[in-house]
C-alpha atoms as a PDB file:
ATOM      1  CA  UNK A   1     121.737 114.147 173.355  1.00  0.00           C
ATOM      2  CA  UNK A   2     120.981 115.420 169.800  1.00  0.00           C
ATOM      3  CA  UNK A   3     121.657 113.109 167.033  1.00  0.00           C
ATOM      4  CA  UNK A   4     124.354 114.322 164.576  1.00  0.00           C
ATOM      5  CA  UNK A   5     123.786 113.879 160.953  1.00  0.00           C
ATOM      6  CA  UNK A   6     126.655 112.328 158.908  1.00  0.00           C
ATOM      7  CA  UNK A   7     128.526 114.672 156.511  1.00  0.00           C
ATOM      8  CA  UNK A   8     128.286 113.787 152.864  1.00  0.00           C
ATOM      9  CA  UNK A   9     131.446 113.634 150.719  1.00  0.00           C
ATOM     10  CA  UNK A  10     130.060 116.465 148.518  1.00  0.00           C
ATOM     11  CA  UNK A  11     129.614 118.783 151.500  1.00  0.00           C
ATOM     12  CA  UNK A  12     133.111 117.958 152.756  1.00  0.00           C
ATOM     13  CA  UNK A  13     134.667 118.767 149.345  1.00  0.00           C
ATOM     14  CA  UNK A  14     132.747 122.104 149.270  1.00  0.00           C
ATOM     15  CA  UNK A  15     134.081 123.125 152.728  1.00  0.00           C
ATOM     16  CA  UNK A  16     137.704 122.226 151.739  1.00  0.00           C
ATOM     17  CA  UNK A  17     137.699 124.044 148.357  1.00  0.00           C
ATOM     18  CA  UNK A  18     139.544 127.307 148.681  1.00  0.00           C
ATOM     19  CA  UNK A  19     137.621 130.435 147.758  1.00  0.00           C
ATOM     20  CA  UNK A  20     140.250 131.335 145.164  1.00  0.00           C
ATOM     21  CA  UNK A  21     138.776 128.670 142.966  1.00  0.00           C
ATOM     22  CA  UNK A  22     135.447 130.311 143.051  1.00  0.00           C
ATOM     23  CA  UNK A  23     134.792 131.692 139.532  1.00  0.00           C
ATOM     24  CA  UNK A  24     132.855 134.657 141.045  1.00  0.00           C
ATOM     25  CA  UNK A  25     135.961 135.807 143.042  1.00  0.00           C
ATOM     26  CA  UNK A  26     139.036 137.557 141.756  1.00  0.00           C
ATOM     27  CA  UNK A  27     141.819 137.803 144.403  1.00  0.00           C
ATOM     28  CA  UNK A  28     139.177 137.022 146.961  1.00  0.00           C
ATOM     29  CA  UNK A  29     137.051 140.026 145.834  1.00  0.00           C
ATOM     30  CA  UNK A  30     133.580 139.423 144.327  1.00  0.00           C
ATOM     31  CA  UNK A  31     133.751 139.945 140.531  1.00  0.00           C
ATOM     32  CA  UNK A  32     130.983 142.580 140.486  1.00  0.00           C
ATOM     33  CA  UNK A  33     132.925 144.834 142.938  1.00  0.00           C
ATOM     34  CA  UNK A  34     136.211 144.770 140.989  1.00  0.00           C
ATOM     35  CA  UNK A  35     135.463 147.666 138.639  1.00  0.00           C
ATOM     36  CA  UNK A  36     134.635 149.825 141.679  1.00  0.00           C
ATOM     37  CA  UNK A  37     137.921 149.003 143.390  1.00  0.00           C
ATOM     38  CA  UNK A  38     139.908 149.585 140.301  1.00  0.00           C
ATOM     39  CA  UNK A  39     138.224 152.975 139.752  1.00  0.00           C
ATOM     40  CA  UNK A  40     138.878 153.963 143.436  1.00  0.00           C
ATOM     41  CA  UNK A  41     142.595 153.216 143.152  1.00  0.00           C
ATOM     42  CA  UNK A  42     142.786 154.883 139.767  1.00  0.00           C
ATOM     43  CA  UNK A  43     141.200 158.091 140.969  1.00  0.00           C
ATOM     44  CA  UNK A  44     143.428 158.070 144.087  1.00  0.00           C
ATOM     45  CA  UNK A  45     146.690 157.565 142.196  1.00  0.00           C
ATOM     46  CA  UNK A  46     145.674 160.024 139.538  1.00  0.00           C
ATOM     47  CA  UNK A  47     144.892 162.618 142.202  1.00  0.00           C
ATOM     48  CA  UNK A  48     148.361 162.273 143.672  1.00  0.00           C
ATOM     49  CA  UNK A  49     149.952 162.600 140.259  1.00  0.00           C
ATOM     50  CA  UNK A  50     148.004 165.724 139.408  1.00  0.00           C
ATOM     51  CA  UNK A  51     148.677 167.166 142.783  1.00  0.00           C
ATOM     52  CA  UNK A  52     152.386 166.464 142.392  1.00  0.00           C
ATOM     53  CA  UNK A  53     152.473 168.342 139.025  1.00  0.00           C
ATOM     54  CA  UNK A  54     151.191 171.486 140.749  1.00  0.00           C
ATOM     55  CA  UNK A  55     153.662 171.189 143.639  1.00  0.00           C
ATOM     56  CA  UNK A  56     156.720 171.129 141.504  1.00  0.00           C
ATOM     57  CA  UNK A  57     159.066 174.147 141.844  1.00  0.00           C
ATOM     58  CA  UNK A  58     159.003 176.597 138.991  1.00  0.00           C
ATOM     59  CA  UNK A  59     161.423 175.825 136.234  1.00  0.00           C
ATOM     60  CA  UNK A  60     164.667 177.796 136.522  1.00  0.00           C
ATOM     61  CA  UNK A  61     166.095 179.899 133.706  1.00  0.00           C
ATOM     62  CA  UNK A  62     168.622 178.151 131.588  1.00  0.00           C
ATOM     63  CA  UNK A  63     171.767 180.014 130.482  1.00  0.00           C
ATOM     64  CA  UNK A  64     174.328 179.194 127.983  1.00  0.00           C
ATOM     65  CA  UNK A  65     177.892 180.187 127.692  1.00  0.00           C
ATOM     66  CA  UNK A  66     180.606 180.532 125.105  1.00  0.00           C
ATOM     67  CA  UNK A  67     184.283 179.787 125.991  1.00  0.00           C
ATOM     68  CA  UNK A  68     186.292 182.609 124.467  1.00  0.00           C
ATOM     69  CA  UNK A  69     189.681 181.844 125.858  1.00  0.00           C
ATOM     70  CA  UNK A  70     191.757 179.489 128.087  1.00  0.00           C
ATOM     71  CA  UNK A  71     194.525 180.473 130.555  1.00  0.00           C
ATOM     72  CA  UNK A  72     197.316 178.426 132.166  1.00  0.00           C
ATOM     73  CA  UNK A  73     197.351 177.816 135.876  1.00  0.00           C
ATOM     74  CA  UNK A  74     199.967 176.403 138.220  1.00  0.00           C
ATOM     75  CA  UNK A  75     198.825 172.818 138.913  1.00  0.00           C
ATOM     76  CA  UNK A  76     200.599 172.932 142.290  1.00  0.00           C
ATOM     77  CA  UNK A  77     198.499 175.832 143.442  1.00  0.00           C
ATOM     78  CA  UNK A  78     195.739 174.701 145.817  1.00  0.00           C
ATOM     79  CA  UNK A  79     193.302 177.442 144.966  1.00  0.00           C
ATOM     80  CA  UNK A  80     190.937 178.449 147.779  1.00  0.00           C
ATOM     81  CA  UNK A  81     189.940 181.972 146.704  1.00  0.00           C
ATOM     82  CA  UNK A  82     190.026 183.826 143.313  1.00  0.00           C
ATOM     83  CA  UNK A  83     189.363 187.353 142.351  1.00  0.00           C
ATOM     84  CA  UNK A  84     189.643 188.983 138.886  1.00  0.00           C
ATOM     85  CA  UNK A  85     190.298 192.737 139.000  1.00  0.00           C
ATOM     86  CA  UNK A  86     191.725 195.343 136.558  1.00  0.00           C
ATOM     87  CA  UNK A  87     193.269 192.580 134.374  1.00  0.00           C
ATOM     88  CA  UNK A  88     194.908 190.652 137.177  1.00  0.00           C
ATOM     89  CA  UNK A  89     193.988 187.485 138.934  1.00  0.00           C
ATOM     90  CA  UNK A  90     194.395 187.482 142.769  1.00  0.00           C
ATOM     91  CA  UNK A  91     194.553 184.028 144.223  1.00  0.00           C
ATOM     92  CA  UNK A  92     194.488 182.646 147.854  1.00  0.00           C
ATOM     93  CA  UNK A  93     196.041 179.216 148.015  1.00  0.00           C
ATOM     94  CA  UNK A  94     195.875 176.645 150.806  1.00  0.00           C
ATOM     95  CA  UNK A  95     197.783 173.818 152.432  1.00  0.00           C
ATOM     96  CA  UNK A  96     199.877 174.189 155.556  1.00  0.00           C
ATOM     97  CA  UNK A  97     203.366 175.378 154.690  1.00  0.00           C
ATOM     98  CA  UNK A  98     202.368 176.286 151.109  1.00  0.00           C
ATOM     99  CA  UNK A  99     199.620 178.966 151.564  1.00  0.00           C
ATOM    100  CA  UNK A 100     200.057 182.211 149.682  1.00  0.00           C
ATOM    101  CA  UNK A 101     198.330 185.168 148.329  1.00  0.00           C
ATOM    102  CA  UNK A 102     199.400 185.795 144.648  1.00  0.00           C
ATOM    103  CA  UNK A 103     198.882 188.433 141.988  1.00  0.00           C
ATOM    104  CA  UNK A 104     198.995 186.867 138.475  1.00  0.00           C
ATOM    105  CA  UNK A 105     198.803 187.978 134.901  1.00  0.00           C
ATOM    106  CA  UNK A 106     196.047 186.200 132.833  1.00  0.00           C
ATOM    107  CA  UNK A 107     198.769 184.089 131.216  1.00  0.00           C
ATOM    108  CA  UNK A 108     199.550 182.576 134.593  1.00  0.00           C
ATOM    109  CA  UNK A 109     202.806 184.363 135.231  1.00  0.00           C
ATOM    110  CA  UNK A 110     203.283 185.504 138.857  1.00  0.00           C
ATOM    111  CA  UNK A 111     203.489 189.301 139.252  1.00  0.00           C
ATOM    112  CA  UNK A 112     203.896 189.014 143.003  1.00  0.00           C
ATOM    113  CA  UNK A 113     203.282 186.577 145.768  1.00  0.00           C
ATOM    114  CA  UNK A 114     203.442 186.607 149.471  1.00  0.00           C
ATOM    115  CA  UNK A 115     203.717 183.401 151.609  1.00  0.00           C
ATOM    116  CA  UNK A 116     201.701 182.930 154.781  1.00  0.00           C
ATOM    117  CA  UNK A 117     203.518 181.642 157.853  1.00  0.00           C
ATOM    118  CA  UNK A 118     203.477 177.866 157.869  1.00  0.00           C
ATOM    119  CA  UNK A 119     200.925 177.570 160.634  1.00  0.00           C
ATOM    120  CA  UNK A 120     198.215 179.227 158.393  1.00  0.00           C
ATOM    121  CA  UNK A 121     196.071 177.434 155.820  1.00  0.00           C
ATOM    122  CA  UNK A 122     194.878 180.043 153.389  1.00  0.00           C
ATOM    123  CA  UNK A 123     191.197 180.090 152.363  1.00  0.00           C
ATOM    124  CA  UNK A 124     188.576 182.391 150.801  1.00  0.00           C
ATOM    125  CA  UNK A 125     189.567 185.734 149.160  1.00  0.00           C
ATOM    126  CA  UNK A 126     187.400 188.863 148.547  1.00  0.00           C
ATOM    127  CA  UNK A 127     188.041 192.384 147.189  1.00  0.00           C
ATOM    128  CA  UNK A 128     186.543 195.342 148.930  1.00  0.00           C
ATOM    129  CA  UNK A 129     187.373 198.598 147.192  1.00  0.00           C
ATOM    130  CA  UNK A 130     191.226 198.501 147.016  1.00  0.00           C
ATOM    131  CA  UNK A 131     191.641 195.897 149.861  1.00  0.00           C
ATOM    132  CA  UNK A 132     192.046 192.205 149.568  1.00  0.00           C
ATOM    133  CA  UNK A 133     190.742 190.100 152.549  1.00  0.00           C
ATOM    134  CA  UNK A 134     192.107 186.558 152.912  1.00  0.00           C
ATOM    135  CA  UNK A 135     190.641 184.048 155.346  1.00  0.00           C
ATOM    136  CA  UNK A 136     192.451 181.232 157.100  1.00  0.00           C
ATOM    137  CA  UNK A 137     190.901 177.883 157.819  1.00  0.00           C
ATOM    138  CA  UNK A 138     191.242 176.943 161.487  1.00  0.00           C
ATOM    139  CA  UNK A 139     193.389 179.727 162.640  1.00  0.00           C
ATOM    140  CA  UNK A 140     190.402 182.152 163.054  1.00  0.00           C
ATOM    141  CA  UNK A 141     192.353 184.999 161.446  1.00  0.00           C
ATOM    142  CA  UNK A 142     192.002 187.091 158.272  1.00  0.00           C
ATOM    143  CA  UNK A 143     194.655 189.125 156.608  1.00  0.00           C
ATOM    144  CA  UNK A 144     194.054 192.405 154.748  1.00  0.00           C
ATOM    145  CA  UNK A 145     196.307 193.514 151.883  1.00  0.00           C
ATOM    146  CA  UNK A 146     196.510 196.354 149.404  1.00  0.00           C
ATOM    147  CA  UNK A 147     196.488 195.479 145.689  1.00  0.00           C
ATOM    148  CA  UNK A 148     200.284 195.031 145.691  1.00  0.00           C
ATOM    149  CA  UNK A 149     199.890 192.448 148.413  1.00  0.00           C
ATOM    150  CA  UNK A 150     201.382 194.684 151.158  1.00  0.00           C
ATOM    151  CA  UNK A 151     199.837 193.762 154.545  1.00  0.00           C
ATOM    152  CA  UNK A 152     197.701 196.540 155.927  1.00  0.00           C
ATOM    153  CA  UNK A 153     195.693 194.835 158.625  1.00  0.00           C
ATOM    154  CA  UNK A 154     194.245 191.677 160.133  1.00  0.00           C
ATOM    155  CA  UNK A 155     191.223 190.628 162.198  1.00  0.00           C
ATOM    156  CA  UNK A 156     189.957 187.527 164.050  1.00  0.00           C
ATOM    157  CA  UNK A 157     186.677 185.608 163.960  1.00  0.00           C
ATOM    158  CA  UNK A 158     185.192 182.733 166.058  1.00  0.00           C
ATOM    159  CA  UNK A 159     184.442 180.136 163.305  1.00  0.00           C
ATOM    160  CA  UNK A 160     186.353 178.262 160.630  1.00  0.00           C
ATOM    161  CA  UNK A 161     187.128 180.399 157.600  1.00  0.00           C
ATOM    162  CA  UNK A 162     186.104 178.839 154.245  1.00  0.00           C
ATOM    163  CA  UNK A 163     184.581 180.972 151.466  1.00  0.00           C
ATOM    164  CA  UNK A 164     184.492 184.736 151.279  1.00  0.00           C
ATOM    165  CA  UNK A 165     182.743 187.162 148.930  1.00  0.00           C
ATOM    166  CA  UNK A 166     181.635 190.738 148.801  1.00  0.00           C
ATOM    167  CA  UNK A 167     178.166 191.841 147.643  1.00  0.00           C
ATOM    168  CA  UNK A 168     178.840 195.511 147.443  1.00  0.00           C
ATOM    169  CA  UNK A 169     177.558 196.097 150.965  1.00  0.00           C
ATOM    170  CA  UNK A 170     178.812 193.297 153.268  1.00  0.00           C
ATOM    171  CA  UNK A 171     181.404 190.642 153.301  1.00  0.00           C
ATOM    172  CA  UNK A 172     179.752 187.187 153.272  1.00  0.00           C
ATOM    173  CA  UNK A 173     181.783 184.434 154.978  1.00  0.00           C
ATOM    174  CA  UNK A 174     181.007 180.687 155.131  1.00  0.00           C
ATOM    175  CA  UNK A 175     182.393 178.302 157.776  1.00  0.00           C
ATOM    176  CA  UNK A 176     181.796 175.023 155.864  1.00  0.00           C
ATOM    177  CA  UNK A 177     178.268 174.541 157.300  1.00  0.00           C
ATOM    178  CA  UNK A 178     174.975 175.873 156.042  1.00  0.00           C
ATOM    179  CA  UNK A 179     175.542 179.154 157.895  1.00  0.00           C
ATOM    180  CA  UNK A 180     176.598 182.473 156.317  1.00  0.00           C
ATOM    181  CA  UNK A 181     178.104 185.356 158.295  1.00  0.00           C
ATOM    182  CA  UNK A 182     177.569 188.941 157.069  1.00  0.00           C
ATOM    183  CA  UNK A 183     180.396 191.190 158.127  1.00  0.00           C
ATOM    184  CA  UNK A 184     180.830 194.913 158.119  1.00  0.00           C
ATOM    185  CA  UNK A 185     183.469 195.576 155.342  1.00  0.00           C
ATOM    186  CA  UNK A 186     185.141 198.405 157.431  1.00  0.00           C
ATOM    187  CA  UNK A 187     185.102 197.033 160.970  1.00  0.00           C
ATOM    188  CA  UNK A 188     184.906 193.347 160.095  1.00  0.00           C
ATOM    189  CA  UNK A 189     182.375 192.799 162.811  1.00  0.00           C
ATOM    190  CA  UNK A 190     179.693 190.153 162.223  1.00  0.00           C
ATOM    191  CA  UNK A 191     176.432 191.954 161.750  1.00  0.00           C
ATOM    192  CA  UNK A 192     174.219 188.944 161.194  1.00  0.00           C
END
């Protein structure tokens, strides 16, 4: 059996001393390697910052506006669609039992209005030539009127009706999701 040598107190103290007390170590890293580590992290972080600057979307144009007038509006009107044409405001209003299509002067006075049946919730409104098209929300039906609000037609669709606009070529309808539906303005068929 080999003879074991006794451990001296100075050796025991050296083994128990944590490395963090070593003056040549910073956070457990040898002092001479610290500048290299700092340089590595600096270059890495700097690269991400520079890369991020070039990945930013282009700045959008900023526009200003000037308010030139203010017009009154019926506070009880739950506006869903609004069109301005030939000095009149055409408005589609919502809420069950309160939905209407209205023709208004700019001062807010009603020229003419037509109530929808109580089971319809009026939604988006668009003007195509001399026709107004009014959507309904969950009833999957649109109503077509002349500019005096006389009914001249209607059509159905298979989604909820929300917003409606006309781009000069097609009606564009939203259903409350990220989808847009492009309709033929004459047949009202969904084209895409």
